[in-house]
Protein backbone atom coordinates (compact mmCIF):
# COMPACT_ATOMS: atom_id res chain seq x y z
CA MET A 1 -32.41 8.58 -18.81
CA THR A 2 -30.91 9.40 -22.22
CA LEU A 3 -27.98 7.52 -23.56
CA PRO A 4 -25.50 10.46 -23.35
CA PHE A 5 -26.53 10.98 -19.66
CA ARG A 6 -25.87 7.20 -18.98
CA VAL A 7 -22.57 7.32 -20.71
CA ALA A 8 -21.52 10.42 -18.62
CA THR A 9 -22.72 8.62 -15.47
CA ALA A 10 -20.62 5.56 -16.37
CA ALA A 11 -17.58 7.56 -16.95
CA LEU A 12 -17.97 9.47 -13.67
CA SER A 13 -18.60 6.14 -11.92
CA GLY A 14 -15.39 4.81 -13.40
CA LEU A 15 -13.27 7.59 -12.05
CA ALA A 16 -15.11 7.09 -8.57
CA VAL A 17 -14.23 3.21 -8.44
CA THR A 18 -10.63 4.27 -9.03
CA GLY A 19 -10.91 6.50 -5.86
CA GLY A 20 -11.44 3.17 -3.93
CA PHE A 21 -8.02 1.96 -4.87
CA PRO A 22 -4.59 2.81 -3.47
CA PRO A 23 -3.21 5.47 -3.11
CA TYR A 24 -6.76 6.90 -2.27
CA ASP A 25 -8.40 4.08 -0.56
CA LEU A 26 -11.78 5.63 -0.34
CA THR A 27 -14.03 2.58 -0.10
CA PRO A 28 -17.30 4.51 0.06
CA LEU A 29 -16.39 6.25 -3.30
CA LEU A 30 -15.86 3.03 -4.79
CA PHE A 31 -19.26 1.66 -3.84
CA ALA A 32 -20.77 4.90 -5.03
CA GLY A 33 -19.11 4.43 -8.34
CA LEU A 34 -20.52 0.77 -8.69
CA ILE A 35 -23.94 1.86 -7.87
CA GLY A 36 -23.68 4.74 -10.20
CA PHE A 37 -22.65 2.10 -12.81
CA VAL A 38 -25.39 -0.26 -12.08
CA VAL A 39 -27.88 2.49 -12.33
CA SER A 40 -26.63 3.72 -15.59
CA LEU A 41 -27.14 0.20 -17.01
CA ARG A 42 -30.62 -0.43 -15.61
CA GLY A 43 -33.42 -0.24 -18.35
CA ALA A 44 -30.63 0.12 -21.22
CA GLY A 45 -30.80 -2.09 -24.17
CA THR A 46 -27.91 -4.42 -25.14
CA ARG A 47 -26.17 -2.10 -27.59
CA ALA A 48 -26.40 0.92 -25.38
CA ALA A 49 -25.31 -1.18 -22.23
CA ALA A 50 -22.15 -2.44 -24.20
CA ALA A 51 -21.35 1.22 -24.79
CA ILE A 52 -22.00 2.17 -21.34
CA GLY A 53 -19.76 -0.66 -20.04
CA PHE A 54 -16.90 0.19 -22.40
CA THR A 55 -17.02 3.79 -21.22
CA PHE A 56 -17.02 2.79 -17.53
CA GLY A 57 -14.27 0.15 -18.01
CA THR A 58 -12.13 2.28 -20.24
CA VAL A 59 -12.12 5.35 -17.88
CA PHE A 60 -11.80 3.09 -14.70
CA ILE A 61 -8.76 1.40 -16.21
CA ALA A 62 -7.18 4.51 -17.57
CA SER A 63 -7.52 6.40 -14.19
CA LEU A 64 -6.19 3.40 -12.38
CA THR A 65 -3.17 2.91 -14.44
CA VAL A 66 -2.32 6.37 -15.10
CA TRP A 67 1.23 5.36 -14.11
CA LEU A 68 1.56 3.52 -17.44
CA ARG A 69 2.13 7.03 -19.10
CA VAL A 70 5.90 6.68 -18.15
CA LEU A 71 6.15 4.06 -20.77
CA GLY A 72 4.16 6.19 -23.39
CA SER A 73 0.59 7.54 -23.82
CA ASP A 74 -0.18 5.03 -26.46
CA ALA A 75 0.58 1.93 -24.28
CA TRP A 76 -1.61 3.49 -21.34
CA LEU A 77 -4.57 4.36 -23.69
CA GLY A 78 -4.11 1.13 -25.70
CA LEU A 79 -4.56 -1.10 -22.64
CA ALA A 80 -7.36 0.97 -21.22
CA ALA A 81 -9.37 0.55 -24.34
CA ALA A 82 -8.39 -2.98 -24.70
CA GLU A 83 -9.68 -3.66 -21.13
CA GLY A 84 -12.88 -1.73 -21.81
CA LEU A 85 -14.04 -4.40 -24.27
CA PHE A 86 -14.48 -6.90 -21.34
CA TYR A 87 -16.54 -4.30 -19.46
CA ALA A 88 -18.57 -3.77 -22.78
CA LEU A 89 -19.24 -7.48 -22.73
CA PHE A 90 -20.22 -7.28 -19.19
CA GLY A 91 -22.72 -4.53 -19.90
CA TRP A 92 -24.19 -6.36 -22.63
CA ALA A 93 -24.71 -9.60 -20.57
CA PHE A 94 -26.12 -7.25 -17.68
CA ALA A 95 -28.74 -5.86 -20.10
CA LEU A 96 -29.74 -9.50 -21.19
CA THR A 97 -30.59 -10.52 -17.62
CA ALA A 98 -31.73 -6.98 -16.16
CA ARG A 99 -35.39 -7.82 -16.18
CA TRP A 100 -35.04 -10.93 -13.98
CA ARG A 101 -36.32 -10.85 -10.42
CA TRP A 102 -33.02 -11.96 -9.18
CA TRP A 103 -30.93 -9.75 -11.53
CA PRO A 104 -28.41 -9.06 -8.81
CA VAL A 105 -27.39 -12.61 -8.76
CA ALA A 106 -27.22 -12.83 -12.45
CA ALA A 107 -25.11 -9.58 -12.62
CA THR A 108 -22.70 -10.65 -9.89
CA CYS A 109 -22.04 -14.00 -11.64
CA CYS A 110 -21.33 -12.03 -15.06
CA TRP A 111 -19.07 -9.65 -13.03
CA VAL A 112 -16.99 -12.62 -11.80
CA GLY A 113 -16.91 -14.16 -15.20
CA MET A 114 -15.76 -10.79 -16.78
CA GLU A 115 -13.04 -10.36 -14.24
CA TYR A 116 -11.90 -14.08 -14.99
CA LEU A 117 -11.54 -13.52 -18.67
CA ARG A 118 -9.71 -10.24 -18.44
CA SER A 119 -7.37 -11.77 -15.93
CA VAL A 120 -6.24 -14.76 -18.36
CA MET A 121 -6.58 -13.15 -21.81
CA PRO A 122 -5.02 -11.81 -24.01
CA PHE A 123 -1.33 -12.55 -23.55
CA GLY A 124 -1.92 -14.08 -20.13
CA GLY A 125 -4.47 -11.29 -18.95
CA PHE A 126 -4.27 -8.25 -16.78
CA PRO A 127 -5.84 -8.79 -13.48
CA TRP A 128 -5.08 -5.16 -12.25
CA GLY A 129 -8.28 -3.46 -10.97
CA ARG A 130 -10.08 -6.41 -9.62
CA LEU A 131 -12.37 -5.20 -7.13
CA ALA A 132 -10.92 -7.59 -4.43
CA PHE A 133 -7.54 -5.65 -4.58
CA ALA A 134 -9.43 -2.64 -3.16
CA MET A 135 -10.88 -4.41 -0.32
CA THR A 136 -7.76 -5.09 1.75
CA ASP A 137 -8.70 -2.88 4.57
CA THR A 138 -12.51 -3.80 4.49
CA PRO A 139 -14.36 -6.46 6.33
CA LEU A 140 -15.00 -8.22 2.95
CA ALA A 141 -11.25 -9.12 2.73
CA ALA A 142 -11.95 -12.06 5.20
CA TYR A 143 -13.68 -13.87 2.53
CA ALA A 144 -10.61 -14.32 0.62
CA ARG A 145 -9.32 -16.65 3.12
CA TRP A 146 -12.31 -18.86 2.87
CA LEU A 147 -13.62 -18.36 -0.83
CA GLY A 148 -10.62 -16.84 -2.66
CA VAL A 149 -9.90 -13.53 -4.09
CA PRO A 150 -12.40 -13.71 -7.01
CA ALA A 151 -15.25 -14.33 -4.60
CA VAL A 152 -14.35 -11.09 -2.74
CA SER A 153 -14.76 -9.17 -6.00
CA GLY A 154 -18.27 -10.80 -6.67
CA ILE A 155 -19.29 -9.99 -3.20
CA ALA A 156 -18.38 -6.49 -3.50
CA PHE A 157 -20.06 -6.10 -6.81
CA GLY A 158 -23.08 -7.82 -5.45
CA LEU A 159 -23.40 -5.53 -2.55
CA ALA A 160 -23.53 -2.75 -5.06
CA CYS A 161 -26.45 -4.45 -6.70
CA LEU A 162 -28.45 -5.03 -3.49
CA LEU A 163 -28.07 -1.41 -2.55
CA VAL A 164 -29.51 -0.52 -6.03
CA LEU A 165 -32.47 -2.97 -5.43
CA ALA A 166 -32.91 -1.44 -1.94
CA TRP A 167 -33.96 1.88 -3.19
CA PRO A 168 -36.74 3.08 -1.08
CA GLN A 169 -40.16 2.11 -2.69
CA ARG A 170 -43.57 2.07 -1.11
CA ALA A 171 -44.80 -0.95 -3.11
CA ARG A 172 -41.75 -2.89 -2.74
CA LEU A 173 -40.82 -2.46 0.99
CA ARG A 174 -40.28 -6.17 1.45
CA ARG A 175 -37.82 -6.47 -1.37
CA ALA A 176 -35.86 -3.52 -0.19
CA GLY A 177 -36.01 -5.03 3.30
CA ALA A 178 -34.73 -8.42 2.00
CA ALA A 179 -31.89 -6.52 0.04
CA LEU A 180 -30.80 -4.45 2.99
CA ALA A 181 -30.94 -7.68 5.16
CA GLY A 182 -28.65 -9.45 2.53
CA VAL A 183 -26.18 -6.66 2.74
CA GLY A 184 -26.10 -6.79 6.65
CA ALA A 185 -25.64 -10.45 6.54
CA VAL A 186 -22.57 -10.27 4.29
CA ILE A 187 -20.96 -7.63 6.36
CA VAL A 188 -21.66 -9.29 9.58
CA GLY A 189 -20.48 -12.76 8.21
CA ALA A 190 -17.25 -10.96 7.04
CA LEU A 191 -16.61 -9.67 10.69
CA LEU A 192 -17.15 -13.04 12.28
CA LEU A 193 -14.80 -14.99 9.80
CA PRO A 194 -11.34 -15.81 11.31
CA VAL A 195 -8.31 -14.64 9.49
CA GLY A 196 -4.52 -15.22 10.28
CA LEU A 197 -1.73 -17.83 10.03
CA ALA A 198 -2.59 -21.09 8.65
CA THR A 199 -1.08 -23.57 10.92
CA ALA A 200 1.83 -21.99 12.78
CA SER A 201 5.11 -23.96 12.60
CA GLY A 202 7.80 -21.48 13.90
CA SER A 203 9.39 -18.37 12.95
CA VAL A 204 12.49 -16.94 11.15
CA THR A 205 14.17 -13.47 11.01
CA VAL A 206 14.23 -12.15 7.58
CA ALA A 207 15.98 -9.11 6.15
CA ALA A 208 14.80 -7.30 2.97
CA ILE A 209 17.38 -5.35 1.21
CA GLN A 210 16.23 -2.30 -0.61
CA GLY A 211 19.44 -1.09 -2.43
CA ASP A 212 17.88 1.77 -4.47
CA VAL A 213 18.16 2.49 -8.36
CA PRO A 214 20.15 5.41 -9.74
CA GLY A 215 17.99 8.03 -11.63
CA THR A 216 14.22 8.12 -11.41
CA GLY A 217 11.54 6.48 -13.59
CA ALA A 218 12.92 5.00 -16.84
CA ASP A 219 16.06 6.97 -16.40
CA GLY A 220 17.36 4.19 -14.07
CA LEU A 221 17.05 1.53 -16.78
CA GLY A 222 20.43 0.36 -18.27
CA GLN A 223 22.52 1.09 -15.08
CA GLN A 224 22.59 -2.52 -14.07
CA GLU A 225 26.11 -2.94 -12.52
CA GLN A 226 25.29 0.02 -10.21
CA VAL A 227 22.13 -1.52 -9.26
CA LEU A 228 24.07 -4.75 -8.14
CA ARG A 229 26.69 -2.62 -6.50
CA ASN A 230 23.97 -0.91 -4.48
CA HIS A 231 22.63 -4.06 -3.11
CA ALA A 232 25.85 -5.70 -2.33
CA THR A 233 27.05 -2.66 -0.58
CA LEU A 234 23.99 -2.12 1.37
CA THR A 235 24.05 -5.88 2.27
CA GLU A 236 27.61 -5.57 3.68
CA GLU A 237 26.50 -2.45 5.61
CA TYR A 238 23.76 -4.63 7.19
CA ALA A 239 26.31 -7.30 8.15
CA ALA A 240 28.40 -4.50 9.83
CA GLN A 241 25.34 -3.32 11.82
CA VAL A 242 24.71 -6.80 12.85
CA ALA A 243 28.47 -7.39 14.15
CA ALA A 244 28.00 -4.07 15.87
CA GLY A 245 24.72 -5.20 17.75
CA ASP A 246 22.64 -2.50 16.09
CA LEU A 247 20.40 -4.93 14.10
CA PRO A 248 19.49 -8.61 14.65
CA ALA A 249 21.04 -11.27 12.50
CA ALA A 250 18.87 -12.73 9.79
CA ASP A 251 18.14 -16.41 8.94
CA LEU A 252 17.82 -15.39 5.41
CA VAL A 253 18.05 -12.38 3.28
CA ILE A 254 15.80 -11.17 0.24
CA TRP A 255 17.05 -9.07 -2.48
CA PRO A 256 14.62 -7.57 -5.07
CA GLU A 257 13.82 -8.52 -8.54
CA ASN A 258 16.46 -7.28 -10.88
CA SER A 259 18.84 -6.46 -7.95
CA SER A 260 21.34 -7.77 -10.29
CA ASP A 261 20.25 -6.83 -14.10
CA ILE A 262 23.47 -8.58 -15.44
CA ASP A 263 23.96 -12.38 -15.58
CA PRO A 264 26.20 -13.22 -12.89
CA PHE A 265 27.44 -16.39 -14.45
CA SER A 266 28.44 -14.65 -17.71
CA THR A 267 29.43 -11.16 -16.55
CA PRO A 268 32.99 -10.98 -15.00
CA GLY A 269 32.86 -9.77 -11.51
CA ALA A 270 29.28 -10.01 -10.83
CA ALA A 271 29.28 -13.32 -9.08
CA ASP A 272 32.02 -12.19 -7.01
CA LEU A 273 30.14 -9.17 -5.77
CA ILE A 274 27.18 -11.43 -4.92
CA ASP A 275 29.50 -13.85 -3.02
CA SER A 276 31.25 -11.22 -1.12
CA ALA A 277 27.86 -9.74 0.16
CA VAL A 278 26.38 -13.16 1.00
CA ARG A 279 29.51 -14.26 2.74
CA ALA A 280 29.62 -11.10 4.68
CA VAL A 281 25.97 -11.38 5.97
CA GLY A 282 26.48 -15.16 6.58
CA ALA A 283 22.96 -16.20 5.46
CA PRO A 284 21.38 -17.61 2.45
CA THR A 285 20.16 -14.85 0.26
CA LEU A 286 17.42 -14.97 -2.44
CA VAL A 287 18.92 -12.94 -5.29
CA GLY A 288 16.86 -11.48 -8.08
CA THR A 289 18.75 -11.53 -11.42
CA ILE A 290 18.46 -11.72 -15.23
CA LEU A 291 20.04 -14.68 -17.05
CA ASP A 292 20.79 -15.32 -20.49
CA GLY A 293 18.29 -17.45 -22.16
CA PRO A 294 19.00 -20.66 -24.00
CA ARG A 295 19.07 -19.08 -27.30
CA PRO A 296 20.11 -15.66 -28.66
CA GLY A 297 17.72 -12.91 -28.11
CA THR A 298 16.15 -14.35 -24.96
CA ALA A 299 16.57 -14.09 -21.21
CA LEU A 300 15.17 -15.42 -17.85
CA ASN A 301 13.87 -13.41 -15.00
CA VAL A 302 14.82 -15.50 -12.08
CA GLY A 303 15.24 -15.58 -8.19
CA ILE A 304 18.27 -17.60 -7.15
CA VAL A 305 19.05 -18.96 -3.77
CA TRP A 306 22.76 -17.85 -3.10
CA ASP A 307 24.31 -19.86 -0.17
CA PRO A 308 27.33 -18.14 1.72
CA VAL A 309 29.23 -21.47 1.43
CA THR A 310 28.06 -23.25 -1.65
CA GLY A 311 27.04 -20.32 -3.94
CA ALA A 312 24.31 -20.42 -6.38
CA GLY A 313 21.63 -22.97 -5.93
CA ASP A 314 17.99 -23.56 -6.66
CA ARG A 315 16.30 -20.92 -8.88
CA TYR A 316 12.69 -19.88 -9.74
CA VAL A 317 11.96 -18.51 -13.34
CA LYS A 318 9.29 -15.85 -13.50
CA ARG A 319 6.04 -17.45 -14.81
CA HIS A 320 3.89 -14.57 -15.70
CA LEU A 321 5.63 -12.28 -18.07
CA VAL A 322 4.34 -8.87 -18.91
CA PRO A 323 3.71 -8.34 -22.55
CA PHE A 324 5.64 -5.15 -24.14
CA GLY A 325 7.44 -5.05 -20.97
CA GLU A 326 9.43 -8.20 -20.75
CA TYR A 327 8.83 -9.65 -24.04
CA ILE A 328 7.23 -8.32 -27.48
CA PRO A 329 4.34 -10.25 -29.02
CA PHE A 330 4.53 -10.18 -32.74
CA ARG A 331 7.88 -8.48 -32.62
CA SER A 332 8.79 -8.98 -36.33
CA GLN A 333 5.54 -7.56 -37.31
CA LEU A 334 5.60 -4.50 -34.91
CA ALA A 335 9.23 -3.72 -34.84
CA PRO A 336 9.43 -1.81 -38.10
CA TYR A 337 6.67 0.60 -37.07
CA ILE A 338 7.58 1.15 -33.36
CA SER A 339 11.04 2.14 -32.84
CA ARG A 340 10.39 2.08 -28.94
CA LEU A 341 10.50 -1.61 -29.01
CA ASP A 342 14.25 -1.58 -29.45
CA GLN A 343 14.33 -0.70 -25.69
CA ILE A 344 13.37 -4.32 -24.96
CA PRO A 345 16.08 -6.07 -27.17
CA ARG A 346 15.66 -9.53 -25.72
CA ASP A 347 12.30 -11.46 -25.05
CA MET A 348 12.15 -13.22 -21.73
CA LEU A 349 10.97 -16.74 -21.49
CA PRO A 350 8.46 -17.96 -18.96
CA GLY A 351 9.11 -20.53 -16.19
CA ASP A 352 6.62 -23.46 -15.71
CA GLU A 353 7.39 -24.56 -12.23
CA PRO A 354 6.05 -22.90 -8.87
CA GLY A 355 8.57 -20.90 -6.95
CA VAL A 356 8.92 -22.92 -3.85
CA LEU A 357 12.41 -22.69 -2.86
CA ARG A 358 14.36 -23.92 0.30
CA VAL A 359 16.13 -20.88 1.68
CA GLY A 360 17.97 -21.61 4.81
CA PRO A 361 15.53 -22.92 7.58
CA ALA A 362 12.28 -22.17 5.47
CA LEU A 363 10.44 -22.96 2.40
CA VAL A 364 9.70 -19.77 0.65
CA GLY A 365 7.07 -19.18 -1.99
CA ASP A 366 8.87 -16.76 -4.47
CA MET A 367 7.00 -14.34 -6.76
CA LEU A 368 8.52 -11.91 -9.11
CA CYS A 369 6.66 -8.49 -9.28
CA PHE A 370 3.22 -8.80 -11.22
CA ASP A 371 3.22 -12.58 -10.44
CA VAL A 372 1.48 -11.71 -7.22
CA ALA A 373 -1.52 -10.39 -9.14
CA TYR A 374 -2.09 -13.86 -10.72
CA ASP A 375 -4.22 -16.22 -8.68
CA GLY A 376 -2.58 -19.35 -10.29
CA VAL A 377 0.85 -18.33 -9.32
CA VAL A 378 -0.14 -17.62 -5.81
CA ARG A 379 -2.11 -20.84 -5.15
CA ASP A 380 0.53 -22.95 -6.55
CA VAL A 381 3.19 -21.90 -4.17
CA ALA A 382 0.85 -22.05 -1.34
CA ARG A 383 -0.38 -25.57 -2.34
CA GLU A 384 3.34 -26.72 -2.89
CA GLY A 385 4.18 -26.02 0.82
CA ALA A 386 5.44 -22.46 0.88
CA GLN A 387 5.74 -21.32 4.65
CA PHE A 388 5.64 -17.68 3.81
CA LEU A 389 5.36 -15.68 0.59
CA VAL A 390 8.18 -13.58 -1.14
CA VAL A 391 7.38 -10.88 -3.63
CA GLN A 392 10.78 -9.67 -5.32
CA THR A 393 9.85 -6.55 -7.16
CA ASN A 394 11.39 -3.81 -9.21
CA ASN A 395 9.06 -0.78 -9.32
CA ALA A 396 11.83 1.72 -10.24
CA THR A 397 10.24 2.71 -13.49
CA TYR A 398 7.03 3.72 -11.60
CA LEU A 399 8.60 5.64 -8.62
CA GLY A 400 6.42 8.50 -7.52
CA THR A 401 3.19 6.92 -8.96
CA ALA A 402 0.43 4.77 -7.54
CA GLN A 403 1.71 1.42 -9.08
CA PRO A 404 3.88 0.50 -5.99
CA ASP A 405 0.95 1.30 -3.54
CA GLN A 406 -1.55 -0.75 -5.73
CA GLN A 407 0.87 -3.68 -5.88
CA TRP A 408 1.48 -3.54 -2.10
CA ALA A 409 -2.32 -3.70 -1.56
CA ILE A 410 -2.37 -6.94 -3.85
CA SER A 411 0.43 -8.36 -1.68
CA ARG A 412 -1.59 -7.82 1.56
CA MET A 413 -4.72 -9.31 -0.01
CA ARG A 414 -2.50 -12.47 -0.85
CA ALA A 415 -1.41 -12.67 2.71
CA ILE A 416 -5.11 -12.73 3.96
CA GLU A 417 -6.09 -15.29 1.15
CA THR A 418 -3.21 -17.67 1.66
CA GLY A 419 -2.97 -17.37 5.54
CA LYS A 420 0.89 -16.70 5.25
CA ASP A 421 2.98 -13.99 5.93
CA VAL A 422 4.44 -11.83 2.88
CA VAL A 423 7.84 -10.38 2.61
CA VAL A 424 8.10 -7.69 -0.28
CA ALA A 425 11.56 -6.76 -1.29
CA SER A 426 11.80 -3.83 -3.93
CA THR A 427 14.59 -2.08 -5.50
CA ASN A 428 13.54 1.29 -4.35
CA GLY A 429 9.95 0.78 -2.44
CA ILE A 430 7.75 -0.40 -1.36
CA SER A 431 9.46 -3.14 0.60
CA GLY A 432 7.83 -4.47 3.69
CA VAL A 433 6.69 -7.31 5.82
CA VAL A 434 2.80 -8.11 6.08
CA ARG A 435 1.28 -10.53 8.56
CA ALA A 436 -1.11 -13.25 7.56
CA ASP A 437 -4.08 -11.20 8.63
CA GLY A 438 -2.98 -8.41 6.20
CA ALA A 439 -1.62 -6.08 9.01
CA VAL A 440 1.46 -4.24 8.07
CA VAL A 441 4.52 -5.08 10.27
CA SER A 442 6.85 -2.63 8.59
CA ARG A 443 7.13 -0.90 5.35
CA SER A 444 9.64 1.39 3.61
CA ALA A 445 9.44 4.62 1.95
CA SER A 446 9.48 4.83 -1.99
CA GLY A 447 12.80 5.83 -3.11
CA GLY A 448 16.16 5.61 -1.41
CA PRO A 449 17.88 2.66 0.35
CA ASP A 450 16.52 0.80 3.28
CA ILE A 451 16.99 -2.46 5.41
CA LEU A 452 14.10 -4.23 6.91
CA VAL A 453 14.65 -6.87 9.52
CA GLU A 454 11.67 -8.65 10.99
CA THR A 455 10.33 -11.87 12.53
CA VAL A 456 8.28 -13.69 9.99
CA GLU A 457 5.86 -16.49 11.21
CA LEU A 458 5.89 -19.68 9.33
CA GLY A 459 2.72 -21.33 8.30
CA ASP A 460 2.39 -24.87 7.04
CA GLY A 461 -1.44 -24.91 6.32
CA VAL A 462 -3.50 -24.41 3.19
CA THR A 463 -6.56 -22.07 3.51
CA LEU A 464 -9.82 -23.05 2.12
CA GLY A 465 -9.68 -20.06 -0.23
CA VAL A 466 -6.53 -21.39 -1.78
CA ARG A 467 -8.06 -25.00 -1.87
CA VAL A 468 -11.36 -23.97 -3.60
CA GLY A 469 -10.85 -20.45 -4.87
CA ALA A 470 -10.47 -21.56 -8.44
CA GLU A 471 -13.33 -23.97 -8.29
CA VAL A 472 -15.61 -21.19 -6.96
CA GLU A 473 -14.52 -18.85 -9.73
CA TYR A 474 -15.17 -21.28 -12.43
CA ALA A 475 -18.62 -22.44 -11.05
CA VAL A 476 -19.70 -18.67 -10.97
CA ALA A 477 -18.19 -18.23 -14.28
CA ILE A 478 -20.08 -21.16 -15.76
CA ALA A 479 -23.22 -20.03 -14.01
CA ALA A 480 -22.96 -16.84 -15.80
CA ALA A 481 -22.66 -18.47 -19.24
CA VAL A 482 -25.67 -20.72 -18.58
CA LEU A 483 -27.62 -17.62 -17.51
CA LEU A 484 -26.54 -15.88 -20.70
CA ILE A 485 -27.74 -18.76 -22.71
CA VAL A 486 -31.09 -18.95 -21.24
CA ALA A 487 -31.49 -15.28 -21.60
CA LEU A 488 -30.52 -15.59 -25.38
CA LEU A 489 -32.91 -18.53 -25.88
CA ARG A 490 -35.75 -16.66 -24.11
CA ARG A 491 -34.86 -13.52 -26.36
CA ARG A 492 -35.19 -15.56 -29.37
CA ARG A 493 -38.58 -17.04 -28.32
CA GLU A 494 -40.14 -13.47 -27.95
CA ARG A 495 -43.15 -13.08 -30.50
CA PRO A 496 -42.77 -10.39 -33.04
CA GLY A 497 -43.85 -6.93 -31.60
CA ALA A 498 -43.19 -7.88 -28.09
CA ALA A 499 -41.67 -5.28 -25.84
CA PRO A 500 -37.83 -5.57 -26.13
CA ARG A 501 -35.94 -7.13 -23.17
CA SER A 502 -34.06 -3.97 -22.76
CA SER A 503 -36.89 -2.09 -21.40
CA ALA A 504 -38.06 -2.53 -17.81
CA ALA A 505 -41.26 -4.55 -17.15
CA PRO A 506 -43.63 -2.22 -15.15
CA ASN A 507 -44.04 -4.82 -12.48
CA ALA A 508 -40.50 -5.64 -11.93
CA THR A 509 -38.78 -2.43 -11.48
CA SER A 510 -38.72 0.23 -8.80
CA PRO A 511 -40.03 3.80 -9.55
CA PRO A 512 -36.34 4.95 -10.38
CA ASP A 513 -35.98 1.94 -12.81
CA ARG A 514 -39.31 2.95 -14.67
CA ALA A 515 -37.80 6.52 -14.97
CA LEU A 516 -34.69 5.08 -16.50
CA ALA A 517 -36.66 2.75 -18.86
CA ALA A 518 -38.78 5.87 -19.75
CA GLY A 519 -35.68 7.86 -20.55
CA ALA A 520 -34.20 5.06 -22.59
CA ALA A 521 -37.43 4.95 -24.55
CA ARG A 522 -37.06 8.70 -25.33
């Protein structure tokens, strides 16, 4: 297999993997893409494998996050290329260990390590596109409750490696049979694992208010007071429907992120609008708003508990901010060259406390928008006693794209991982309620106002996946590092003139692998 053919295969494989994510949800296509990627790497040298990995990763992330084009093609392609570097690192690591008998284990460890690295760096990382987030409607999702989300990614990639190993071959029937048995064991094990609520402790009625945003895409930005009025008005309409007996009364109400894009404590009339709506509904309301920061040029993205009697109370400050969306890294250096940065005049400051808030009768684990994609944020609220999770989000900029569907899938996976119901409140969709087993109770359409009122189960327990998920991920990532060190040491000890590690050993590969190696040599 020539290098251009490998690179082309990797590019097509990246597109195929995107097909496994929302809104397509074609899981067989995702596994076909992973298999194609692994095959394109088998027999390649380290430099070629890095190029193959970069191509796969860049195409995959670019096709997955095409919704970023609303912010500019430079931001979209720049992010894809930056993420592609992590996949290049994976390709290099894959090639170092490809000759080993247990190469699927080494490759799986390296994949988990790669996903970990790109989820934490740079600028806090970008975990979008982790394989686990495409597994919500598959049996593999059950492993999230017991081992954590990172393990689901590793299991998915490991299955693809086993399927490559199981390629029919007369001389290796035993190995092929063992690989297929491993695939079967993983799937059967997933089907046997229980999922659902972690230690039930009652229920509450929750109303999610989707007030809508004027305009579409980025056109709706800057119309903050109208966004606040929309949510206040819809809340009062909900109160009227409760009084008329058309809808049940809620124990607590959830407004979305940025449902007030103006500081209610410094903007005349804003607090009065919120007070009036909350008093009308007669239930404590979690309000998403923007507060002025502690110094000029800064702001805070927060969720505030607003009581119908006592007013504003406890708050959660968003912990994982979006670079170039909520703050500008290297602002003073970049601003003279990129005029578009003026659209973000203030840098938001991150919070440092988990978002566990008492909202009426329940302890709520609050997360704001992209927070839900970060393992640490989710684990912290689950460990700190949250009885159900809330995702306050504002996806108005991405209306009509795949972004809301992808974030919705992440929220569902978090429900399975934590064993807790999840309530999503969005300014204009997708809002909804998800059970602890990932089942959808209700879901709004994207665009337009909506009121969702549902019974939410409370869970006091902490799943094993939350307890040990980080440790499992760290252990696998450390194992990957150790394996790479061993591979590099073995590579250095090779005598001059020995066959390069990048070529497949005749006695350690399948017939397809020998063909790949022969192609690489040509």
